[in-house]
Amino acid sequence: MRSPHPAPLLFGRETAGLPEQVRQSIAPEQRLRRPMRGSSRSLNLSNAVAVVVYEAW
């Protein structure tokens, strides 16, 4: 997850993610999805933010 330019990070709800209208407004090559593993339904939003910000840093 490297970008030559600063980029905003958008996070959706734990259960549904970002609204469809928001997802469609972002080019596919600029989207990042944090997939879930196993039977986990969702990752706590604060944990997801921590993972992504750590990787972006």
PDB file of N, CA and C in Angstrom:
ATOM      1  N   MET A   1       0.839  -1.168   0.000  1.00  0.00           N
ATOM      2  CA  MET A   1       0.000   0.000   0.000  1.00  0.00           C
ATOM      3  C   MET A   1       0.889   1.237   0.000  1.00  0.00           C
ATOM      4  N   ARG A   2       1.437   1.560  -1.123  1.00  0.00           N
ATOM      5  CA  ARG A   2       2.307   2.730  -1.241  1.00  0.00           C
ATOM      6  C   ARG A   2       1.709   3.678  -2.277  1.00  0.00           C
ATOM      7  N   SER A   3       1.784   4.961  -1.974  1.00  0.00           N
ATOM      8  CA  SER A   3       1.255   5.961  -2.883  1.00  0.00           C
ATOM      9  C   SER A   3       2.230   7.129  -2.930  1.00  0.00           C
ATOM     10  N   PRO A   4       2.507   7.650  -4.130  1.00  0.00           N
ATOM     11  CA  PRO A   4       3.412   8.792  -4.217  1.00  0.00           C
ATOM     12  C   PRO A   4       2.754  10.083  -3.721  1.00  0.00           C
ATOM     13  N   HIS A   5       1.439  10.055  -3.555  1.00  0.00           N
ATOM     14  CA  HIS A   5       0.693  11.238  -3.132  1.00  0.00           C
ATOM     15  C   HIS A   5      -0.106  10.922  -1.872  1.00  0.00           C
ATOM     16  N   PRO A   6      -0.323  11.926  -1.037  1.00  0.00           N
ATOM     17  CA  PRO A   6      -1.183  11.702   0.128  1.00  0.00           C
ATOM     18  C   PRO A   6      -2.580  11.282  -0.336  1.00  0.00           C
ATOM     19  N   ALA A   7      -3.178  10.399   0.393  1.00  0.00           N
ATOM     20  CA  ALA A   7      -4.506   9.915   0.008  1.00  0.00           C
ATOM     21  C   ALA A   7      -5.375   9.772   1.250  1.00  0.00           C
ATOM     22  N   PRO A   8      -6.656  10.120   1.131  1.00  0.00           N
ATOM     23  CA  PRO A   8      -7.549   9.924   2.274  1.00  0.00           C
ATOM     24  C   PRO A   8      -7.824   8.434   2.464  1.00  0.00           C
ATOM     25  N   LEU A   9      -8.050   8.043   3.677  1.00  0.00           N
ATOM     26  CA  LEU A   9      -8.436   6.666   3.984  1.00  0.00           C
ATOM     27  C   LEU A   9      -9.877   6.699   4.474  1.00  0.00           C
ATOM     28  N   LEU A  10     -10.740   5.963   3.800  1.00  0.00           N
ATOM     29  CA  LEU A  10     -12.150   5.898   4.185  1.00  0.00           C
ATOM     30  C   LEU A  10     -12.433   4.532   4.776  1.00  0.00           C
ATOM     31  N   PHE A  11     -13.160   4.509   5.857  1.00  0.00           N
ATOM     32  CA  PHE A  11     -13.521   3.255   6.509  1.00  0.00           C
ATOM     33  C   PHE A  11     -15.031   3.209   6.669  1.00  0.00           C
ATOM     34  N   GLY A  12     -15.598   2.048   6.357  1.00  0.00           N
ATOM     35  CA  GLY A  12     -17.037   1.883   6.489  1.00  0.00           C
ATOM     36  C   GLY A  12     -17.413   1.212   7.793  1.00  0.00           C
ATOM     37  N   ARG A  13     -18.708   0.982   7.937  1.00  0.00           N
ATOM     38  CA  ARG A  13     -19.214   0.320   9.136  1.00  0.00           C
ATOM     39  C   ARG A  13     -18.682  -1.097   9.222  1.00  0.00           C
ATOM     40  N   GLU A  14     -18.631  -1.622  10.424  1.00  0.00           N
ATOM     41  CA  GLU A  14     -18.122  -2.977  10.636  1.00  0.00           C
ATOM     42  C   GLU A  14     -18.959  -4.019   9.907  1.00  0.00           C
ATOM     43  N   THR A  15     -20.251  -3.809   9.822  1.00  0.00           N
ATOM     44  CA  THR A  15     -21.129  -4.824   9.234  1.00  0.00           C
ATOM     45  C   THR A  15     -21.317  -4.682   7.734  1.00  0.00           C
ATOM     46  N   ALA A  16     -21.382  -3.466   7.231  1.00  0.00           N
ATOM     47  CA  ALA A  16     -21.739  -3.277   5.824  1.00  0.00           C
ATOM     48  C   ALA A  16     -20.672  -2.589   4.985  1.00  0.00           C
ATOM     49  N   GLY A  17     -19.634  -2.076   5.614  1.00  0.00           N
ATOM     50  CA  GLY A  17     -18.618  -1.369   4.846  1.00  0.00           C
ATOM     51  C   GLY A  17     -19.100  -0.002   4.396  1.00  0.00           C
ATOM     52  N   LEU A  18     -18.489   0.504   3.344  1.00  0.00           N
ATOM     53  CA  LEU A  18     -18.883   1.802   2.800  1.00  0.00           C
ATOM     54  C   LEU A  18     -20.162   1.659   1.987  1.00  0.00           C
ATOM     55  N   PRO A  19     -20.996   2.708   1.962  1.00  0.00           N
ATOM     56  CA  PRO A  19     -22.190   2.664   1.120  1.00  0.00           C
ATOM     57  C   PRO A  19     -21.808   2.461  -0.356  1.00  0.00           C
ATOM     58  N   GLU A  20     -22.663   1.810  -1.090  1.00  0.00           N
ATOM     59  CA  GLU A  20     -22.410   1.511  -2.507  1.00  0.00           C
ATOM     60  C   GLU A  20     -22.083   2.772  -3.299  1.00  0.00           C
ATOM     61  N   GLN A  21     -22.788   3.856  -3.043  1.00  0.00           N
ATOM     62  CA  GLN A  21     -22.552   5.106  -3.774  1.00  0.00           C
ATOM     63  C   GLN A  21     -21.117   5.601  -3.547  1.00  0.00           C
ATOM     64  N   VAL A  22     -20.619   5.463  -2.355  1.00  0.00           N
ATOM     65  CA  VAL A  22     -19.242   5.877  -2.054  1.00  0.00           C
ATOM     66  C   VAL A  22     -18.259   4.946  -2.754  1.00  0.00           C
ATOM     67  N   ARG A  23     -18.505   3.638  -2.669  1.00  0.00           N
ATOM     68  CA  ARG A  23     -17.602   2.676  -3.325  1.00  0.00           C
ATOM     69  C   ARG A  23     -17.530   2.923  -4.822  1.00  0.00           C
ATOM     70  N   GLN A  24     -18.651   3.217  -5.444  1.00  0.00           N
ATOM     71  CA  GLN A  24     -18.673   3.436  -6.890  1.00  0.00           C
ATOM     72  C   GLN A  24     -17.968   4.727  -7.294  1.00  0.00           C
ATOM     73  N   SER A  25     -17.825   5.659  -6.360  1.00  0.00           N
ATOM     74  CA  SER A  25     -17.171   6.931  -6.688  1.00  0.00           C
ATOM     75  C   SER A  25     -15.642   6.833  -6.627  1.00  0.00           C
ATOM     76  N   ILE A  26     -15.129   5.690  -6.191  1.00  0.00           N
ATOM     77  CA  ILE A  26     -13.683   5.487  -6.069  1.00  0.00           C
ATOM     78  C   ILE A  26     -13.228   4.504  -7.142  1.00  0.00           C
ATOM     79  N   ALA A  27     -12.206   4.874  -7.888  1.00  0.00           N
ATOM     80  CA  ALA A  27     -11.692   3.997  -8.949  1.00  0.00           C
ATOM     81  C   ALA A  27     -11.235   2.668  -8.349  1.00  0.00           C
ATOM     82  N   PRO A  28     -11.521   1.548  -9.036  1.00  0.00           N
ATOM     83  CA  PRO A  28     -11.154   0.226  -8.505  1.00  0.00           C
ATOM     84  C   PRO A  28      -9.684   0.099  -8.113  1.00  0.00           C
ATOM     85  N   GLU A  29      -8.787   0.701  -8.875  1.00  0.00           N
ATOM     86  CA  GLU A  29      -7.361   0.577  -8.551  1.00  0.00           C
ATOM     87  C   GLU A  29      -6.968   1.398  -7.318  1.00  0.00           C
ATOM     88  N   GLN A  30      -7.883   2.215  -6.824  1.00  0.00           N
ATOM     89  CA  GLN A  30      -7.609   3.013  -5.625  1.00  0.00           C
ATOM     90  C   GLN A  30      -8.290   2.443  -4.383  1.00  0.00           C
ATOM     91  N   ARG A  31      -8.991   1.349  -4.537  1.00  0.00           N
ATOM     92  CA  ARG A  31      -9.695   0.733  -3.405  1.00  0.00           C
ATOM     93  C   ARG A  31      -8.811  -0.308  -2.735  1.00  0.00           C
ATOM     94  N   LEU A  32      -8.976  -0.417  -1.447  1.00  0.00           N
ATOM     95  CA  LEU A  32      -8.281  -1.440  -0.681  1.00  0.00           C
ATOM     96  C   LEU A  32      -9.315  -2.145   0.176  1.00  0.00           C
ATOM     97  N   ARG A  33      -9.290  -3.437   0.125  1.00  0.00           N
ATOM     98  CA  ARG A  33     -10.242  -4.213   0.909  1.00  0.00           C
ATOM     99  C   ARG A  33      -9.457  -5.085   1.869  1.00  0.00           C
ATOM    100  N   ARG A  34      -9.868  -5.073   3.099  1.00  0.00           N
ATOM    101  CA  ARG A  34      -9.231  -5.910   4.118  1.00  0.00           C
ATOM    102  C   ARG A  34     -10.107  -7.140   4.286  1.00  0.00           C
ATOM    103  N   PRO A  35      -9.758  -8.247   3.615  1.00  0.00           N
ATOM    104  CA  PRO A  35     -10.604  -9.443   3.675  1.00  0.00           C
ATOM    105  C   PRO A  35     -10.579 -10.093   5.055  1.00  0.00           C
ATOM    106  N   MET A  36     -11.666 -10.773   5.362  1.00  0.00           N
ATOM    107  CA  MET A  36     -11.778 -11.490   6.630  1.00  0.00           C
ATOM    108  C   MET A  36     -11.355 -12.932   6.423  1.00  0.00           C
ATOM    109  N   ARG A  37     -10.953 -13.557   7.491  1.00  0.00           N
ATOM    110  CA  ARG A  37     -10.485 -14.928   7.428  1.00  0.00           C
ATOM    111  C   ARG A  37     -11.403 -15.805   8.276  1.00  0.00           C
ATOM    112  N   GLY A  38     -11.657 -16.995   7.781  1.00  0.00           N
ATOM    113  CA  GLY A  38     -12.441 -17.960   8.550  1.00  0.00           C
ATOM    114  C   GLY A  38     -13.879 -17.531   8.751  1.00  0.00           C
ATOM    115  N   SER A  39     -14.388 -17.796   9.933  1.00  0.00           N
ATOM    116  CA  SER A  39     -15.804 -17.523  10.199  1.00  0.00           C
ATOM    117  C   SER A  39     -16.033 -16.150  10.819  1.00  0.00           C
ATOM    118  N   SER A  40     -15.004 -15.320  10.885  1.00  0.00           N
ATOM    119  CA  SER A  40     -15.165 -13.978  11.445  1.00  0.00           C
ATOM    120  C   SER A  40     -16.062 -13.156  10.538  1.00  0.00           C
ATOM    121  N   ARG A  41     -17.024 -12.489  11.150  1.00  0.00           N
ATOM    122  CA  ARG A  41     -17.974 -11.700  10.380  1.00  0.00           C
ATOM    123  C   ARG A  41     -17.425 -10.317  10.058  1.00  0.00           C
ATOM    124  N   SER A  42     -16.739  -9.715  11.026  1.00  0.00           N
ATOM    125  CA  SER A  42     -16.171  -8.395  10.784  1.00  0.00           C
ATOM    126  C   SER A  42     -15.008  -8.154  11.737  1.00  0.00           C
ATOM    127  N   LEU A  43     -14.184  -7.202  11.370  1.00  0.00           N
ATOM    128  CA  LEU A  43     -13.075  -6.784  12.215  1.00  0.00           C
ATOM    129  C   LEU A  43     -13.518  -5.489  12.883  1.00  0.00           C
ATOM    130  N   ASN A  44     -13.291  -5.367  14.168  1.00  0.00           N
ATOM    131  CA  ASN A  44     -13.626  -4.147  14.877  1.00  0.00           C
ATOM    132  C   ASN A  44     -13.042  -2.970  14.105  1.00  0.00           C
ATOM    133  N   LEU A  45     -13.824  -1.929  13.932  1.00  0.00           N
ATOM    134  CA  LEU A  45     -13.395  -0.798  13.110  1.00  0.00           C
ATOM    135  C   LEU A  45     -12.083  -0.198  13.607  1.00  0.00           C
ATOM    136  N   SER A  46     -11.931  -0.039  14.907  1.00  0.00           N
ATOM    137  CA  SER A  46     -10.682   0.547  15.408  1.00  0.00           C
ATOM    138  C   SER A  46      -9.495  -0.361  15.115  1.00  0.00           C
ATOM    139  N   ASN A  47      -9.695  -1.668  15.146  1.00  0.00           N
ATOM    140  CA  ASN A  47      -8.615  -2.597  14.798  1.00  0.00           C
ATOM    141  C   ASN A  47      -8.283  -2.516  13.312  1.00  0.00           C
ATOM    142  N   ALA A  48      -9.307  -2.417  12.480  1.00  0.00           N
ATOM    143  CA  ALA A  48      -9.086  -2.301  11.036  1.00  0.00           C
ATOM    144  C   ALA A  48      -8.312  -1.020  10.715  1.00  0.00           C
ATOM    145  N   VAL A  49      -8.690   0.068  11.367  1.00  0.00           N
ATOM    146  CA  VAL A  49      -7.987   1.336  11.157  1.00  0.00           C
ATOM    147  C   VAL A  49      -6.527   1.199  11.586  1.00  0.00           C
ATOM    148  N   ALA A  50      -6.293   0.563  12.718  1.00  0.00           N
ATOM    149  CA  ALA A  50      -4.921   0.380  13.207  1.00  0.00           C
ATOM    150  C   ALA A  50      -4.077  -0.408  12.210  1.00  0.00           C
ATOM    151  N   VAL A  51      -4.623  -1.479  11.651  1.00  0.00           N
ATOM    152  CA  VAL A  51      -3.886  -2.303  10.689  1.00  0.00           C
ATOM    153  C   VAL A  51      -3.539  -1.492   9.443  1.00  0.00           C
ATOM    154  N   VAL A  52      -4.515  -0.801   8.891  1.00  0.00           N
ATOM    155  CA  VAL A  52      -4.302  -0.058   7.647  1.00  0.00           C
ATOM    156  C   VAL A  52      -3.356   1.123   7.861  1.00  0.00           C
ATOM    157  N   VAL A  53      -3.536   1.856   8.940  1.00  0.00           N
ATOM    158  CA  VAL A  53      -2.651   2.994   9.200  1.00  0.00           C
ATOM    159  C   VAL A  53      -1.221   2.513   9.443  1.00  0.00           C
ATOM    160  N   TYR A  54      -1.068   1.405  10.142  1.00  0.00           N
ATOM    161  CA  TYR A  54       0.269   0.841  10.358  1.00  0.00           C
ATOM    162  C   TYR A  54       0.920   0.506   9.015  1.00  0.00           C
ATOM    163  N   GLU A  55       0.174  -0.150   8.130  1.00  0.00           N
ATOM    164  CA  GLU A  55       0.717  -0.523   6.820  1.00  0.00           C
ATOM    165  C   GLU A  55       1.004   0.705   5.963  1.00  0.00           C
ATOM    166  N   ALA A  56       0.195   1.740   6.099  1.00  0.00           N
ATOM    167  CA  ALA A  56       0.377   2.955   5.301  1.00  0.00           C
ATOM    168  C   ALA A  56       1.550   3.786   5.804  1.00  0.00           C
ATOM    169  N   TRP A  57       1.843   3.683   7.078  1.00  0.00           N
ATOM    170  CA  TRP A  57       2.908   4.477   7.674  1.00  0.00           C
ATOM    171  C   TRP A  57       4.226   4.057   7.117  1.00  0.00           C
TER     172      TRP A  57
END
